[in-house]
């Protein structure tokens, strides 16, 4: 309630837009309007499967629903913002539990190639596949969910199970300590960990009456407070998992 009061008292806006709407596309490529007005400023926590230790993330705000490329244009109280995110959040959480220190971008696999697929798209395919696999109960359902998550006529939509096995094997070869988590329904537990981290970040800034916008694995804040946000994110992750997690702005 306190966090939502801070959001209610804040002017969160896109100064580049003439109307408080933007366009999104569903999984079938159909366009629809996403409202960016004050009716969509508030969040609620959603827990799952009748348990307080599964999920628990904060949902409902429009900045969580827009394309990531648009978030850089958000202003808070007429001030530009910066987004700071945890690097590879869920694979970092799993690695911390295993006592493994990740180096570099976990989703960039040196030497991995698919014919005709540029490096940026290949990284996106690997990332989406890994995150989907962490949330799935088995690899078959992971592959089906992966394809459903891509728009019509996209490369990801038409990938075969054999191609997806190839990508997932390449990822687990680089990160063998994560192999047993693939298709093991780990995502909903990891969401609870990142929600507990987000709760600590919210609480720190709410106590000061300062709005910070969360997008599960990242936070958006007035650019003058980026240093403080980075410090608080490190402290919050250390309090929850025992070590500070790497962040990037």
Protein backbone atom coordinates (compact mmCIF):
# COMPACT_ATOMS: atom_id res chain seq x y z
CA UNK A 1 0.00 0.00 0.00
CA UNK A 2 2.81 2.40 0.86
CA UNK A 3 4.59 1.69 -2.43
CA UNK A 4 1.38 2.23 -4.41
CA UNK A 5 0.83 5.54 -2.62
CA UNK A 6 4.25 6.71 -3.77
CA UNK A 7 3.39 5.68 -7.34
CA UNK A 8 0.05 7.48 -7.10
CA UNK A 9 1.77 10.68 -6.04
CA UNK A 10 4.26 10.51 -8.94
CA UNK A 11 3.97 11.73 -12.53
CA UNK A 12 5.21 8.84 -14.69
CA UNK A 13 5.02 9.69 -18.35
CA UNK A 14 6.36 9.56 -21.91
CA UNK A 15 6.93 13.21 -22.87
CA UNK A 16 7.43 12.10 -26.49
CA UNK A 17 3.84 10.83 -26.82
CA UNK A 18 0.82 12.98 -27.61
CA UNK A 19 -1.62 10.41 -26.21
CA UNK A 20 -1.09 8.00 -23.26
CA UNK A 21 -1.15 4.87 -25.44
CA UNK A 22 1.33 2.74 -27.32
CA UNK A 23 1.01 -0.23 -29.62
CA UNK A 24 1.79 -3.84 -28.73
CA UNK A 25 1.47 -7.10 -30.66
CA UNK A 26 0.18 -10.44 -29.43
CA UNK A 27 1.72 -13.83 -30.18
CA UNK A 28 -0.12 -13.92 -33.52
CA UNK A 29 1.23 -10.53 -34.65
CA UNK A 30 -2.06 -8.70 -34.11
CA UNK A 31 -1.64 -5.10 -32.93
CA UNK A 32 -3.53 -3.69 -29.95
CA UNK A 33 -3.37 -0.55 -27.81
CA UNK A 34 -1.63 -0.48 -24.42
CA UNK A 35 -2.79 2.31 -22.08
CA UNK A 36 -0.05 4.27 -20.28
CA UNK A 37 -2.29 6.35 -18.02
CA UNK A 38 -2.62 6.71 -14.25
CA UNK A 39 -5.14 3.87 -14.06
CA UNK A 40 -2.26 1.47 -14.74
CA UNK A 41 0.24 2.86 -12.22
CA UNK A 42 -0.47 0.38 -9.45
CA UNK A 43 0.92 -3.06 -8.66
CA UNK A 44 -0.23 -6.13 -6.78
CA UNK A 45 1.68 -9.22 -5.70
CA UNK A 46 0.68 -12.51 -7.27
CA UNK A 47 1.55 -15.76 -5.51
CA UNK A 48 0.96 -19.16 -7.08
CA UNK A 49 -0.22 -22.70 -6.29
CA UNK A 50 -1.53 -21.69 -2.88
CA UNK A 51 1.96 -20.97 -1.55
CA UNK A 52 3.67 -17.86 -0.17
CA UNK A 53 7.05 -19.12 -1.43
CA UNK A 54 6.11 -19.57 -5.10
CA UNK A 55 6.02 -16.51 -7.37
CA UNK A 56 5.10 -13.36 -5.41
CA UNK A 57 6.15 -10.92 -8.11
CA UNK A 58 4.74 -7.41 -8.48
CA UNK A 59 2.38 -7.10 -11.48
CA UNK A 60 0.01 -4.61 -13.06
CA UNK A 61 1.98 -1.48 -14.05
CA UNK A 62 2.13 -0.36 -17.67
CA UNK A 63 5.95 -0.04 -17.69
CA UNK A 64 6.12 -3.83 -17.29
CA UNK A 65 4.04 -4.37 -20.44
CA UNK A 66 5.70 -2.12 -23.02
CA UNK A 67 8.64 -3.14 -25.26
CA UNK A 68 11.96 -2.78 -23.45
CA UNK A 69 13.21 -0.30 -26.06
CA UNK A 70 10.53 2.21 -25.05
CA UNK A 71 11.37 2.23 -21.36
CA UNK A 72 14.38 4.52 -21.88
CA UNK A 73 11.93 7.32 -22.74
CA UNK A 74 10.08 7.20 -19.40
CA UNK A 75 10.25 10.33 -17.26
CA UNK A 76 9.44 10.40 -13.55
CA UNK A 77 8.25 13.77 -12.23
CA UNK A 78 9.58 15.44 -15.40
CA UNK A 79 13.05 13.95 -14.92
CA UNK A 80 14.81 11.49 -17.28
CA UNK A 81 15.35 8.00 -15.96
CA UNK A 82 17.86 5.17 -16.16
CA UNK A 83 17.05 1.45 -16.04
CA UNK A 84 19.39 -0.80 -14.04
CA UNK A 85 19.04 -4.56 -14.43
CA UNK A 86 20.46 -7.70 -12.90
CA UNK A 87 22.56 -9.60 -15.43
CA UNK A 88 20.96 -12.94 -16.33
CA UNK A 89 18.82 -12.85 -13.20
CA UNK A 90 17.51 -16.41 -12.90
CA UNK A 91 20.63 -18.16 -14.15
CA UNK A 92 22.60 -15.93 -11.77
CA UNK A 93 20.35 -16.95 -8.86
CA UNK A 94 20.79 -20.63 -9.69
CA UNK A 95 24.54 -20.18 -10.08
CA UNK A 96 24.76 -18.44 -6.70
CA UNK A 97 22.97 -21.40 -5.11
CA UNK A 98 25.53 -23.71 -6.70
CA UNK A 99 28.43 -21.51 -5.62
CA UNK A 100 29.38 -20.77 -9.25
CA UNK A 101 30.45 -17.29 -10.40
CA UNK A 102 29.13 -16.47 -13.88
CA UNK A 103 31.43 -14.55 -16.19
CA UNK A 104 30.19 -12.39 -19.04
CA UNK A 105 26.82 -12.74 -20.73
CA UNK A 106 25.45 -16.22 -19.97
CA UNK A 107 23.34 -16.25 -23.15
CA UNK A 108 26.18 -15.49 -25.58
CA UNK A 109 27.70 -18.82 -26.62
CA UNK A 110 31.06 -18.48 -28.37
CA UNK A 111 31.28 -20.49 -31.58
CA UNK A 112 27.55 -21.25 -31.73
CA UNK A 113 25.96 -20.58 -35.12
CA UNK A 114 22.70 -21.22 -36.92
CA UNK A 115 22.69 -20.72 -40.71
CA UNK A 116 21.28 -17.29 -41.61
CA UNK A 117 20.67 -16.26 -38.00
CA UNK A 118 22.44 -13.05 -36.86
CA UNK A 119 24.22 -13.05 -33.51
CA UNK A 120 21.69 -10.74 -31.79
CA UNK A 121 18.76 -12.97 -32.75
CA UNK A 122 20.68 -16.09 -31.75
CA UNK A 123 21.27 -14.66 -28.28
CA UNK A 124 17.54 -13.83 -27.98
CA UNK A 125 16.63 -17.38 -29.01
CA UNK A 126 18.98 -18.88 -26.42
CA UNK A 127 17.76 -16.57 -23.67
CA UNK A 128 14.08 -17.21 -24.37
CA UNK A 129 14.65 -20.96 -24.57
CA UNK A 130 16.56 -21.09 -21.28
CA UNK A 131 14.00 -18.99 -19.40
CA UNK A 132 11.13 -21.03 -20.85
CA UNK A 133 12.89 -24.26 -19.88
CA UNK A 134 13.36 -23.05 -16.31
CA UNK A 135 9.61 -22.51 -16.07
CA UNK A 136 8.55 -25.77 -17.73
CA UNK A 137 7.99 -29.14 -16.08
CA UNK A 138 9.69 -31.01 -18.93
CA UNK A 139 11.55 -30.23 -22.13
CA UNK A 140 8.66 -31.15 -24.43
CA UNK A 141 6.37 -28.54 -22.86
CA UNK A 142 9.29 -26.09 -22.79
CA UNK A 143 9.73 -26.36 -26.55
CA UNK A 144 6.01 -25.91 -27.16
CA UNK A 145 5.85 -22.84 -24.89
CA UNK A 146 8.96 -21.42 -26.56
CA UNK A 147 7.33 -21.48 -30.00
CA UNK A 148 4.09 -20.02 -28.63
CA UNK A 149 6.05 -17.06 -27.27
CA UNK A 150 7.18 -15.86 -30.71
CA UNK A 151 5.00 -13.90 -33.15
CA UNK A 152 3.69 -15.43 -36.36
CA UNK A 153 6.21 -15.81 -39.19
CA UNK A 154 9.19 -15.22 -36.89
CA UNK A 155 12.24 -17.50 -36.90
CA UNK A 156 11.56 -18.73 -33.36
CA UNK A 157 8.01 -19.75 -34.25
CA UNK A 158 9.21 -22.30 -36.78
CA UNK A 159 12.10 -23.91 -34.88
CA UNK A 160 12.01 -27.69 -34.60
CA UNK A 161 12.56 -29.71 -31.43
CA UNK A 162 15.90 -30.87 -32.83
CA UNK A 163 17.07 -27.28 -33.27
CA UNK A 164 15.94 -26.38 -29.76
CA UNK A 165 17.74 -29.40 -28.30
CA UNK A 166 20.88 -28.23 -30.13
CA UNK A 167 20.62 -24.74 -28.55
CA UNK A 168 19.83 -26.03 -25.07
CA UNK A 169 22.69 -28.53 -25.19
CA UNK A 170 25.07 -25.76 -26.24
CA UNK A 171 23.94 -23.66 -23.28
CA UNK A 172 24.30 -26.45 -20.71
CA UNK A 173 27.69 -27.40 -22.16
CA UNK A 174 28.87 -23.88 -21.30
CA UNK A 175 27.04 -23.93 -17.94
CA UNK A 176 26.92 -27.60 -16.83
CA UNK A 177 25.83 -26.66 -13.30
CA UNK A 178 22.52 -25.46 -14.77
CA UNK A 179 21.69 -28.62 -16.73
CA UNK A 180 19.49 -30.23 -14.07
CA UNK A 181 17.36 -27.07 -13.77
CA UNK A 182 16.21 -27.22 -17.41
CA UNK A 183 12.66 -28.58 -17.62
CA UNK A 184 12.54 -28.90 -13.82
CA UNK A 185 9.89 -26.28 -12.95
CA UNK A 186 12.39 -23.96 -11.26
CA UNK A 187 11.06 -20.65 -12.58
CA UNK A 188 8.24 -20.18 -10.10
CA UNK A 189 10.63 -20.65 -7.16
CA UNK A 190 13.17 -18.26 -8.68
CA UNK A 191 10.42 -15.68 -9.16
CA UNK A 192 9.91 -15.71 -5.41
CA UNK A 193 13.59 -14.93 -4.86
CA UNK A 194 13.59 -12.02 -7.30
CA UNK A 195 10.31 -10.76 -5.81
CA UNK A 196 11.90 -10.72 -2.35
CA UNK A 197 14.80 -8.73 -3.78
CA UNK A 198 12.37 -6.31 -5.45
CA UNK A 199 10.46 -5.92 -2.18
CA UNK A 200 13.64 -4.75 -0.44
CA UNK A 201 14.41 -2.27 -3.22
CA UNK A 202 10.83 -0.93 -3.12
CA UNK A 203 10.94 -0.59 0.65
CA UNK A 204 14.22 1.37 0.67
CA UNK A 205 12.94 4.02 -1.74
CA UNK A 206 9.35 4.02 -0.47
CA UNK A 207 10.62 4.97 2.99
CA UNK A 208 12.06 8.10 1.32
CA UNK A 209 8.97 8.76 -0.79
CA UNK A 210 11.01 8.15 -3.96
CA UNK A 211 9.36 6.29 -6.87
CA UNK A 212 11.28 3.36 -8.34
CA UNK A 213 9.64 1.29 -11.09
CA UNK A 214 10.27 -2.45 -11.10
CA UNK A 215 10.20 -4.75 -14.14
CA UNK A 216 10.98 -8.02 -12.29
CA UNK A 217 14.70 -8.15 -13.13
CA UNK A 218 15.30 -4.40 -13.47
CA UNK A 219 14.42 -1.06 -11.90
CA UNK A 220 13.83 2.39 -13.39
CA UNK A 221 14.65 5.51 -11.40
CA UNK A 222 15.38 9.25 -11.67
CA UNK A 223 18.86 9.41 -13.25
CA UNK A 224 20.28 11.36 -10.28
CA UNK A 225 19.77 8.30 -8.04
CA UNK A 226 21.35 5.60 -10.21
CA UNK A 227 24.34 5.14 -7.90
CA UNK A 228 22.06 4.68 -4.90
CA UNK A 229 19.89 2.21 -6.83
CA UNK A 230 22.88 0.09 -7.83
CA UNK A 231 24.03 -0.05 -4.22
CA UNK A 232 20.56 -0.96 -2.93
CA UNK A 233 20.13 -3.69 -5.56
CA UNK A 234 23.45 -5.22 -4.52
CA UNK A 235 22.52 -5.07 -0.84
CA UNK A 236 19.05 -6.53 -1.48
CA UNK A 237 20.40 -9.45 -3.52
CA UNK A 238 23.06 -10.17 -0.90
CA UNK A 239 20.40 -10.21 1.84
CA UNK A 240 18.25 -12.71 -0.10
CA UNK A 241 20.80 -15.07 -1.68
CA UNK A 242 23.98 -14.42 0.28
CA UNK A 243 25.99 -12.56 -2.33
CA UNK A 244 25.58 -9.30 -4.28
CA UNK A 245 24.52 -9.84 -7.88
CA UNK A 246 26.04 -8.02 -10.84
CA UNK A 247 24.01 -5.18 -12.37
CA UNK A 248 24.23 -3.08 -15.53
CA UNK A 249 22.64 0.22 -16.51
